[in-house]
Amino acid sequence: MKVPTLLEMSSRGEKPEVVFWIGCAGSFDDRSKKITKAFVKILNNSNISFAVLGAEESCSGDPAKRSGNEFLFQIQALKNINSLNNYNVTDIVTTCPHCFNTLKNEYPELGGKYNVFHHSQFLKRLLLSGKLKVEGEKFKGKKITYHDPCYLGRANNEYKAPRELIEKLKANLLEMKNSKSNGLCCGAGGAQMFKEPEKGNKDINILRTEQALDTKPDIIAAACPFCNIMMTDGIKNKEKDVSVMDIAELIANAEDL
């Protein structure tokens, strides 16, 4: 796949229109890599000049900060800020709401000031500019329920962009019992992704999956790699034949990219 690094472009005296921040899940988790690839296909197909940090990209620091290790967060953040500022980066897009929130809201006070977009927001911009066209016949009439990621929805008040993209697919958008500002966490936030849950009556991801299945969907749409993993685990637990797909995967599949 055509994925240039900032170092490569810089050596040619070029600067990309936007930097694609991949994140830990999109780099190392096999399921999340598919989301990364789908988004890269869309960027290439839309003739967007982009680059990645590659080996220079480190964890955004979100898990460290959420689990209480502010010192480690600042070490990770300053390392990334130094790399980004070295290339005079101005615009960043990421498929991970955790990275989106951290880079957008927490890096500025450490010297990292950028225009940061979640990929659903960026895809909406491409649609409005005419660089991306979605026919949507492949998903026409499909019942799709959308799960709001905490750090995209309640933390950054972005509810419209993902839903507008789903509606472009000519699908039937179904809302769960808890949605938008009343959304429910998938169970991975606050660094919970990396540990076993505390004992209780029911795991959060199972409860959220049950809410999704109550809408009787063909597809559960997500916009966060962590949410995707948790909802996929929930579907496996319930032994249901329902797909869990990221917004980027839906768009890429609609266009057969």
C-alpha atoms as a PDB file:
ATOM      1  CA  MET A   1       0.000   0.000   0.000  1.00  0.00           C
ATOM      2  CA  LYS A   2       1.114   3.545  -0.714  1.00  0.00           C
ATOM      3  CA  VAL A   3       1.882   4.953   2.753  1.00  0.00           C
ATOM      4  CA  PRO A   4       4.735   7.499   2.803  1.00  0.00           C
ATOM      5  CA  THR A   5       6.459   8.537   6.030  1.00  0.00           C
ATOM      6  CA  LEU A   6       7.079  12.133   7.064  1.00  0.00           C
ATOM      7  CA  LEU A   7      10.817  11.444   6.909  1.00  0.00           C
ATOM      8  CA  GLU A   8      10.550  10.332   3.266  1.00  0.00           C
ATOM      9  CA  MET A   9       8.471  13.342   2.253  1.00  0.00           C
ATOM     10  CA  SER A  10      10.667  15.744   4.207  1.00  0.00           C
ATOM     11  CA  SER A  11      13.786  14.411   2.465  1.00  0.00           C
ATOM     12  CA  ARG A  12      12.146  15.340  -0.856  1.00  0.00           C
ATOM     13  CA  GLY A  13      11.248  18.803   0.415  1.00  0.00           C
ATOM     14  CA  GLU A  14       7.533  17.930   0.473  1.00  0.00           C
ATOM     15  CA  LYS A  15       4.893  18.455   3.159  1.00  0.00           C
ATOM     16  CA  PRO A  16       1.685  16.373   3.290  1.00  0.00           C
ATOM     17  CA  GLU A  17      -1.765  17.898   3.485  1.00  0.00           C
ATOM     18  CA  VAL A  18      -2.423  15.856   6.622  1.00  0.00           C
ATOM     19  CA  VAL A  19      -0.607  13.435   8.936  1.00  0.00           C
ATOM     20  CA  PHE A  20      -2.375  10.136   9.584  1.00  0.00           C
ATOM     21  CA  TRP A  21      -1.870   9.255  13.255  1.00  0.00           C
ATOM     22  CA  ILE A  22      -2.354   5.485  13.372  1.00  0.00           C
ATOM     23  CA  GLY A  23      -2.243   4.754  17.106  1.00  0.00           C
ATOM     24  CA  CYS A  24      -1.370   1.595  19.023  1.00  0.00           C
ATOM     25  CA  ALA A  25      -4.433  -0.457  18.087  1.00  0.00           C
ATOM     26  CA  GLY A  26      -4.262   0.504  14.417  1.00  0.00           C
ATOM     27  CA  SER A  27      -0.586  -0.458  14.343  1.00  0.00           C
ATOM     28  CA  PHE A  28      -0.491  -3.708  16.305  1.00  0.00           C
ATOM     29  CA  ASP A  29      -3.967  -5.232  16.728  1.00  0.00           C
ATOM     30  CA  ASP A  30      -4.802  -7.501  13.782  1.00  0.00           C
ATOM     31  CA  ARG A  31      -8.475  -6.498  13.702  1.00  0.00           C
ATOM     32  CA  SER A  32      -7.704  -2.779  13.962  1.00  0.00           C
ATOM     33  CA  LYS A  33      -5.106  -2.986  11.174  1.00  0.00           C
ATOM     34  CA  LYS A  34      -8.023  -3.584   8.792  1.00  0.00           C
ATOM     35  CA  ILE A  35      -9.474  -0.215   9.829  1.00  0.00           C
ATOM     36  CA  THR A  36      -6.105   1.441   9.167  1.00  0.00           C
ATOM     37  CA  LYS A  37      -5.906  -0.140   5.720  1.00  0.00           C
ATOM     38  CA  ALA A  38      -9.478   0.836   4.858  1.00  0.00           C
ATOM     39  CA  PHE A  39      -8.795   4.470   5.734  1.00  0.00           C
ATOM     40  CA  VAL A  40      -5.525   4.495   3.760  1.00  0.00           C
ATOM     41  CA  LYS A  41      -7.415   3.169   0.716  1.00  0.00           C
ATOM     42  CA  ILE A  42      -9.910   6.019   1.039  1.00  0.00           C
ATOM     43  CA  LEU A  43      -7.136   8.625   1.361  1.00  0.00           C
ATOM     44  CA  ASN A  44      -5.318   7.263  -1.689  1.00  0.00           C
ATOM     45  CA  ASN A  45      -8.523   6.996  -3.711  1.00  0.00           C
ATOM     46  CA  SER A  46      -9.406  10.600  -2.815  1.00  0.00           C
ATOM     47  CA  ASN A  47      -5.922  11.788  -3.890  1.00  0.00           C
ATOM     48  CA  ILE A  48      -5.143  13.183  -0.447  1.00  0.00           C
ATOM     49  CA  SER A  49      -1.488  13.929   0.232  1.00  0.00           C
ATOM     50  CA  PHE A  50      -0.792  12.289   3.582  1.00  0.00           C
ATOM     51  CA  ALA A  51       2.061  10.740   5.549  1.00  0.00           C
ATOM     52  CA  VAL A  52       2.605   8.795   8.763  1.00  0.00           C
ATOM     53  CA  LEU A  53       5.298   9.120  11.418  1.00  0.00           C
ATOM     54  CA  GLY A  54       6.042   5.409  11.085  1.00  0.00           C
ATOM     55  CA  ALA A  55       8.644   4.238  13.590  1.00  0.00           C
ATOM     56  CA  GLU A  56       8.756   7.765  15.040  1.00  0.00           C
ATOM     57  CA  GLU A  57       5.163   7.471  16.289  1.00  0.00           C
ATOM     58  CA  SER A  58       4.792   6.405  19.925  1.00  0.00           C
ATOM     59  CA  CYS A  59       1.685   5.843  22.054  1.00  0.00           C
ATOM     60  CA  SER A  60      -0.250   9.092  22.534  1.00  0.00           C
ATOM     61  CA  GLY A  61      -0.071   8.545  26.284  1.00  0.00           C
ATOM     62  CA  ASP A  62      -3.825   8.194  26.789  1.00  0.00           C
ATOM     63  CA  PRO A  63      -3.709   4.823  28.647  1.00  0.00           C
ATOM     64  CA  ALA A  64      -0.975   6.097  30.977  1.00  0.00           C
ATOM     65  CA  LYS A  65      -2.887   9.295  31.785  1.00  0.00           C
ATOM     66  CA  ARG A  66      -6.242   7.547  32.286  1.00  0.00           C
ATOM     67  CA  SER A  67      -4.696   4.984  34.609  1.00  0.00           C
ATOM     68  CA  GLY A  68      -3.128   7.729  36.723  1.00  0.00           C
ATOM     69  CA  ASN A  69       0.483   7.878  35.520  1.00  0.00           C
ATOM     70  CA  GLU A  70       0.740  11.554  34.555  1.00  0.00           C
ATOM     71  CA  PHE A  71       4.555  11.411  34.542  1.00  0.00           C
ATOM     72  CA  LEU A  72       4.637   8.643  31.904  1.00  0.00           C
ATOM     73  CA  PHE A  73       1.953  10.457  29.882  1.00  0.00           C
ATOM     74  CA  GLN A  74       4.079  13.597  29.701  1.00  0.00           C
ATOM     75  CA  ILE A  75       7.173  11.609  28.677  1.00  0.00           C
ATOM     76  CA  GLN A  76       5.241   9.972  25.825  1.00  0.00           C
ATOM     77  CA  ALA A  77       3.487  13.195  24.816  1.00  0.00           C
ATOM     78  CA  LEU A  78       6.674  15.287  24.723  1.00  0.00           C
ATOM     79  CA  LYS A  79       8.422  12.681  22.600  1.00  0.00           C
ATOM     80  CA  ASN A  80       5.586  12.768  20.053  1.00  0.00           C
ATOM     81  CA  ILE A  81       5.330  16.561  20.134  1.00  0.00           C
ATOM     82  CA  ASN A  82       9.046  16.842  19.443  1.00  0.00           C
ATOM     83  CA  SER A  83       8.689  14.538  16.422  1.00  0.00           C
ATOM     84  CA  LEU A  84       5.613  16.340  15.060  1.00  0.00           C
ATOM     85  CA  ASN A  85       7.054  19.823  15.573  1.00  0.00           C
ATOM     86  CA  ASN A  86      10.290  18.734  13.922  1.00  0.00           C
ATOM     87  CA  TYR A  87       8.287  18.262  10.708  1.00  0.00           C
ATOM     88  CA  ASN A  88       6.191  21.430  11.237  1.00  0.00           C
ATOM     89  CA  VAL A  89       2.991  19.366  11.326  1.00  0.00           C
ATOM     90  CA  THR A  90      -0.244  21.380  11.312  1.00  0.00           C
ATOM     91  CA  ASP A  91      -3.043  18.916  10.507  1.00  0.00           C
ATOM     92  CA  ILE A  92      -3.568  15.432  11.959  1.00  0.00           C
ATOM     93  CA  VAL A  93      -6.274  12.814  11.356  1.00  0.00           C
ATOM     94  CA  THR A  94      -6.699   9.660  13.413  1.00  0.00           C
ATOM     95  CA  THR A  95      -9.067   6.678  13.470  1.00  0.00           C
ATOM     96  CA  CYS A  96      -8.818   6.478  17.292  1.00  0.00           C
ATOM     97  CA  PRO A  97     -10.955   8.814  19.463  1.00  0.00           C
ATOM     98  CA  HIS A  98      -8.543   8.311  22.383  1.00  0.00           C
ATOM     99  CA  CYS A  99      -5.645   9.645  20.291  1.00  0.00           C
ATOM    100  CA  PHE A 100      -7.962  12.317  18.854  1.00  0.00           C
ATOM    101  CA  ASN A 101      -8.942  13.598  22.297  1.00  0.00           C
ATOM    102  CA  THR A 102      -5.394  13.493  23.668  1.00  0.00           C
ATOM    103  CA  LEU A 103      -3.745  15.220  20.700  1.00  0.00           C
ATOM    104  CA  LYS A 104      -6.545  17.782  20.389  1.00  0.00           C
ATOM    105  CA  ASN A 105      -7.138  18.696  24.020  1.00  0.00           C
ATOM    106  CA  GLU A 106      -4.081  17.709  26.044  1.00  0.00           C
ATOM    107  CA  TYR A 107      -1.054  18.226  23.774  1.00  0.00           C
ATOM    108  CA  PRO A 108      -1.505  22.031  23.376  1.00  0.00           C
ATOM    109  CA  GLU A 109      -0.480  22.822  26.960  1.00  0.00           C
ATOM    110  CA  LEU A 110       2.718  20.817  26.377  1.00  0.00           C
ATOM    111  CA  GLY A 111       3.579  22.682  23.186  1.00  0.00           C
ATOM    112  CA  GLY A 112       1.783  20.529  20.611  1.00  0.00           C
ATOM    113  CA  LYS A 113      -0.793  22.705  18.864  1.00  0.00           C
ATOM    114  CA  TYR A 114      -2.387  21.073  15.820  1.00  0.00           C
ATOM    115  CA  ASN A 115      -5.653  20.900  13.904  1.00  0.00           C
ATOM    116  CA  VAL A 116      -6.809  17.407  14.892  1.00  0.00           C
ATOM    117  CA  PHE A 117      -9.622  15.516  13.152  1.00  0.00           C
ATOM    118  CA  HIS A 118     -11.327  12.231  13.881  1.00  0.00           C
ATOM    119  CA  HIS A 119     -11.558  10.217  10.677  1.00  0.00           C
ATOM    120  CA  SER A 120     -15.359  10.515  10.584  1.00  0.00           C
ATOM    121  CA  GLN A 121     -14.985  14.321  10.565  1.00  0.00           C
ATOM    122  CA  PHE A 122     -12.301  14.128   7.878  1.00  0.00           C
ATOM    123  CA  LEU A 123     -14.393  11.803   5.700  1.00  0.00           C
ATOM    124  CA  LYS A 124     -17.336  14.186   6.016  1.00  0.00           C
ATOM    125  CA  ARG A 125     -15.072  17.026   4.807  1.00  0.00           C
ATOM    126  CA  LEU A 126     -13.998  14.924   1.822  1.00  0.00           C
ATOM    127  CA  LEU A 127     -17.646  14.276   0.962  1.00  0.00           C
ATOM    128  CA  LEU A 128     -18.558  17.954   1.180  1.00  0.00           C
ATOM    129  CA  SER A 129     -15.572  18.927  -0.972  1.00  0.00           C
ATOM    130  CA  GLY A 130     -16.465  16.337  -3.620  1.00  0.00           C
ATOM    131  CA  LYS A 131     -13.162  14.469  -3.238  1.00  0.00           C
ATOM    132  CA  LEU A 132     -15.040  11.448  -1.906  1.00  0.00           C
ATOM    133  CA  LYS A 133     -18.204  10.059  -3.442  1.00  0.00           C
ATOM    134  CA  VAL A 134     -20.281   7.360  -1.766  1.00  0.00           C
ATOM    135  CA  GLU A 135     -22.835   5.482  -3.852  1.00  0.00           C
ATOM    136  CA  GLY A 136     -24.097   3.359  -0.985  1.00  0.00           C
ATOM    137  CA  GLU A 137     -26.012   0.748  -2.987  1.00  0.00           C
ATOM    138  CA  LYS A 138     -24.133  -2.074  -1.250  1.00  0.00           C
ATOM    139  CA  PHE A 139     -25.619  -1.161   2.139  1.00  0.00           C
ATOM    140  CA  LYS A 140     -28.986   0.106   0.892  1.00  0.00           C
ATOM    141  CA  GLY A 141     -31.725  -1.000   3.281  1.00  0.00           C
ATOM    142  CA  LYS A 142     -29.271  -2.608   5.721  1.00  0.00           C
ATOM    143  CA  LYS A 143     -30.081  -2.074   9.391  1.00  0.00           C
ATOM    144  CA  ILE A 144     -27.093  -0.399  11.038  1.00  0.00           C
ATOM    145  CA  THR A 145     -26.859   0.675  14.666  1.00  0.00           C
ATOM    146  CA  TYR A 146     -24.084   3.057  15.657  1.00  0.00           C
ATOM    147  CA  HIS A 147     -22.136   2.970  18.924  1.00  0.00           C
ATOM    148  CA  ASP A 148     -20.873   6.383  20.098  1.00  0.00           C
ATOM    149  CA  PRO A 149     -17.253   6.262  21.316  1.00  0.00           C
ATOM    150  CA  CYS A 150     -16.946   8.137  24.620  1.00  0.00           C
ATOM    151  CA  TYR A 151     -14.021  10.312  23.534  1.00  0.00           C
ATOM    152  CA  LEU A 152     -15.658  11.285  20.262  1.00  0.00           C
ATOM    153  CA  GLY A 153     -19.188  11.807  21.562  1.00  0.00           C
ATOM    154  CA  ARG A 154     -19.479  12.897  25.157  1.00  0.00           C
ATOM    155  CA  ALA A 155     -15.900  14.204  25.445  1.00  0.00           C
ATOM    156  CA  ASN A 156     -15.850  16.148  22.154  1.00  0.00           C
ATOM    157  CA  ASN A 157     -19.537  16.501  21.273  1.00  0.00           C
ATOM    158  CA  GLU A 158     -19.235  14.908  17.824  1.00  0.00           C
ATOM    159  CA  TYR A 159     -22.377  12.943  17.057  1.00  0.00           C
ATOM    160  CA  LYS A 160     -23.307  14.121  13.553  1.00  0.00           C
ATOM    161  CA  ALA A 161     -20.357  13.173  11.325  1.00  0.00           C
ATOM    162  CA  PRO A 162     -20.483   9.368  11.798  1.00  0.00           C
ATOM    163  CA  ARG A 163     -24.266   9.297  11.448  1.00  0.00           C
ATOM    164  CA  GLU A 164     -24.238  11.425   8.298  1.00  0.00           C
ATOM    165  CA  LEU A 165     -21.735   9.011   6.741  1.00  0.00           C
ATOM    166  CA  ILE A 166     -23.956   6.023   7.582  1.00  0.00           C
ATOM    167  CA  GLU A 167     -26.961   7.796   6.078  1.00  0.00           C
ATOM    168  CA  LYS A 168     -24.954   8.358   2.872  1.00  0.00           C
ATOM    169  CA  LEU A 169     -24.852   4.558   2.578  1.00  0.00           C
ATOM    170  CA  LYS A 170     -28.671   4.610   2.239  1.00  0.00           C
ATOM    171  CA  ALA A 171     -28.852   2.323   5.265  1.00  0.00           C
ATOM    172  CA  ASN A 172     -31.475   2.346   8.006  1.00  0.00           C
ATOM    173  CA  LEU A 173     -29.776   3.954  11.021  1.00  0.00           C
ATOM    174  CA  LEU A 174     -31.077   2.496  14.282  1.00  0.00           C
ATOM    175  CA  GLU A 175     -30.414   4.171  17.638  1.00  0.00           C
ATOM    176  CA  MET A 176     -29.696   2.153  20.764  1.00  0.00           C
ATOM    177  CA  LYS A 177     -31.384   2.716  24.113  1.00  0.00           C
ATOM    178  CA  ASN A 178     -28.340   4.731  25.196  1.00  0.00           C
ATOM    179  CA  SER A 179     -26.998   6.946  22.426  1.00  0.00           C
ATOM    180  CA  LYS A 180     -25.459  10.352  21.740  1.00  0.00           C
ATOM    181  CA  SER A 181     -25.039  12.377  24.977  1.00  0.00           C
ATOM    182  CA  ASN A 182     -26.649   9.504  26.876  1.00  0.00           C
ATOM    183  CA  GLY A 183     -24.275   6.933  25.367  1.00  0.00           C
ATOM    184  CA  LEU A 184     -22.768   3.977  27.199  1.00  0.00           C
ATOM    185  CA  CYS A 185     -19.056   3.121  27.294  1.00  0.00           C
ATOM    186  CA  CYS A 186     -17.989  -0.076  25.508  1.00  0.00           C
ATOM    187  CA  GLY A 187     -15.965  -1.010  28.595  1.00  0.00           C
ATOM    188  CA  ALA A 188     -12.466  -0.291  27.244  1.00  0.00           C
ATOM    189  CA  GLY A 189     -12.056   3.355  28.305  1.00  0.00           C
ATOM    190  CA  GLY A 190      -9.847   4.579  31.122  1.00  0.00           C
ATOM    191  CA  ALA A 191      -7.156   1.996  30.266  1.00  0.00           C
ATOM    192  CA  GLN A 192      -9.641  -0.803  31.067  1.00  0.00           C
ATOM    193  CA  MET A 193      -8.789  -2.194  27.602  1.00  0.00           C
ATOM    194  CA  PHE A 194      -5.565  -3.573  29.048  1.00  0.00           C
ATOM    195  CA  LYS A 195      -6.852  -5.323  32.174  1.00  0.00           C
ATOM    196  CA  GLU A 196      -9.537  -7.699  33.305  1.00  0.00           C
ATOM    197  CA  PRO A 197     -12.720  -6.028  34.595  1.00  0.00           C
ATOM    198  CA  GLU A 198     -13.545  -5.862  38.279  1.00  0.00           C
ATOM    199  CA  LYS A 199     -16.071  -8.403  39.502  1.00  0.00           C
ATOM    200  CA  GLY A 200     -19.700  -7.491  38.970  1.00  0.00           C
ATOM    201  CA  ASN A 201     -23.005  -8.791  37.683  1.00  0.00           C
ATOM    202  CA  LYS A 202     -22.223  -8.156  34.006  1.00  0.00           C
ATOM    203  CA  ASP A 203     -19.318  -6.855  31.922  1.00  0.00           C
ATOM    204  CA  ILE A 204     -19.937  -3.437  30.347  1.00  0.00           C
ATOM    205  CA  ASN A 205     -19.208  -4.673  26.826  1.00  0.00           C
ATOM    206  CA  ILE A 206     -21.850  -7.415  27.210  1.00  0.00           C
ATOM    207  CA  LEU A 207     -24.436  -4.880  28.389  1.00  0.00           C
ATOM    208  CA  ARG A 208     -23.615  -2.582  25.485  1.00  0.00           C
ATOM    209  CA  THR A 209     -23.736  -5.465  22.989  1.00  0.00           C
ATOM    210  CA  GLU A 210     -27.167  -6.425  24.311  1.00  0.00           C
ATOM    211  CA  GLN A 211     -28.369  -2.858  23.695  1.00  0.00           C
ATOM    212  CA  ALA A 212     -27.034  -3.062  20.150  1.00  0.00           C
ATOM    213  CA  LEU A 213     -28.671  -6.437  19.496  1.00  0.00           C
ATOM    214  CA  ASP A 214     -31.996  -5.109  20.815  1.00  0.00           C
ATOM    215  CA  THR A 215     -32.195  -2.976  17.660  1.00  0.00           C
ATOM    216  CA  LYS A 216     -31.974  -6.174  15.569  1.00  0.00           C
ATOM    217  CA  PRO A 217     -29.191  -4.849  13.332  1.00  0.00           C
ATOM    218  CA  ASP A 218     -27.397  -6.374  10.381  1.00  0.00           C
ATOM    219  CA  ILE A 219     -24.288  -4.365  11.272  1.00  0.00           C
ATOM    220  CA  ILE A 220     -22.975  -2.630  14.379  1.00  0.00           C
ATOM    221  CA  ALA A 221     -21.026   0.458  13.308  1.00  0.00           C
ATOM    222  CA  ALA A 222     -18.168   1.756  15.434  1.00  0.00           C
ATOM    223  CA  ALA A 223     -15.717   4.630  15.114  1.00  0.00           C
ATOM    224  CA  CYS A 224     -13.029   3.505  17.557  1.00  0.00           C
ATOM    225  CA  PRO A 225     -10.703   0.475  17.421  1.00  0.00           C
ATOM    226  CA  PHE A 226     -11.199  -0.228  21.148  1.00  0.00           C
ATOM    227  CA  CYS A 227     -14.988  -0.105  20.777  1.00  0.00           C
ATOM    228  CA  ASN A 228     -14.725  -2.413  17.782  1.00  0.00           C
ATOM    229  CA  ILE A 229     -12.767  -4.983  19.787  1.00  0.00           C
ATOM    230  CA  MET A 230     -15.139  -4.845  22.774  1.00  0.00           C
ATOM    231  CA  MET A 231     -18.297  -5.072  20.663  1.00  0.00           C
ATOM    232  CA  THR A 232     -16.816  -7.914  18.602  1.00  0.00           C
ATOM    233  CA  ASP A 233     -16.058  -9.808  21.822  1.00  0.00           C
ATOM    234  CA  GLY A 234     -19.627  -9.156  22.935  1.00  0.00           C
ATOM    235  CA  ILE A 235     -21.027 -10.572  19.682  1.00  0.00           C
ATOM    236  CA  LYS A 236     -18.857 -13.684  20.086  1.00  0.00           C
ATOM    237  CA  ASN A 237     -20.167 -14.079  23.636  1.00  0.00           C
ATOM    238  CA  LYS A 238     -23.750 -13.901  22.366  1.00  0.00           C
ATOM    239  CA  GLU A 239     -22.947 -16.172  19.393  1.00  0.00           C
ATOM    240  CA  LYS A 240     -24.781 -13.880  16.978  1.00  0.00           C
ATOM    241  CA  ASP A 241     -24.164 -13.443  13.251  1.00  0.00           C
ATOM    242  CA  VAL A 242     -23.801  -9.669  13.267  1.00  0.00           C
ATOM    243  CA  SER A 243     -20.867  -7.769  11.752  1.00  0.00           C
ATOM    244  CA  VAL A 244     -19.005  -5.055  13.649  1.00  0.00           C
ATOM    245  CA  MET A 245     -17.519  -2.537  11.209  1.00  0.00           C
ATOM    246  CA  ASP A 246     -15.716   0.772  11.494  1.00  0.00           C
ATOM    247  CA  ILE A 247     -17.011   3.826   9.638  1.00  0.00           C
ATOM    248  CA  ALA A 248     -13.939   3.712   7.364  1.00  0.00           C
ATOM    249  CA  GLU A 249     -14.598   0.059   6.524  1.00  0.00           C
ATOM    250  CA  LEU A 250     -18.216   0.834   5.641  1.00  0.00           C
ATOM    251  CA  ILE A 251     -17.169   3.637   3.280  1.00  0.00           C
ATOM    252  CA  ALA A 252     -14.331   1.601   1.725  1.00  0.00           C
ATOM    253  CA  ASN A 253     -16.610  -1.414   1.227  1.00  0.00           C
ATOM    254  CA  ALA A 254     -19.358   0.726  -0.277  1.00  0.00           C
ATOM    255  CA  GLU A 255     -16.917   1.847  -2.935  1.00  0.00           C
ATOM    256  CA  ASP A 256     -15.172  -1.548  -3.344  1.00  0.00           C
ATOM    257  CA  LEU A 257     -11.810   0.073  -2.621  1.00  0.00           C
END
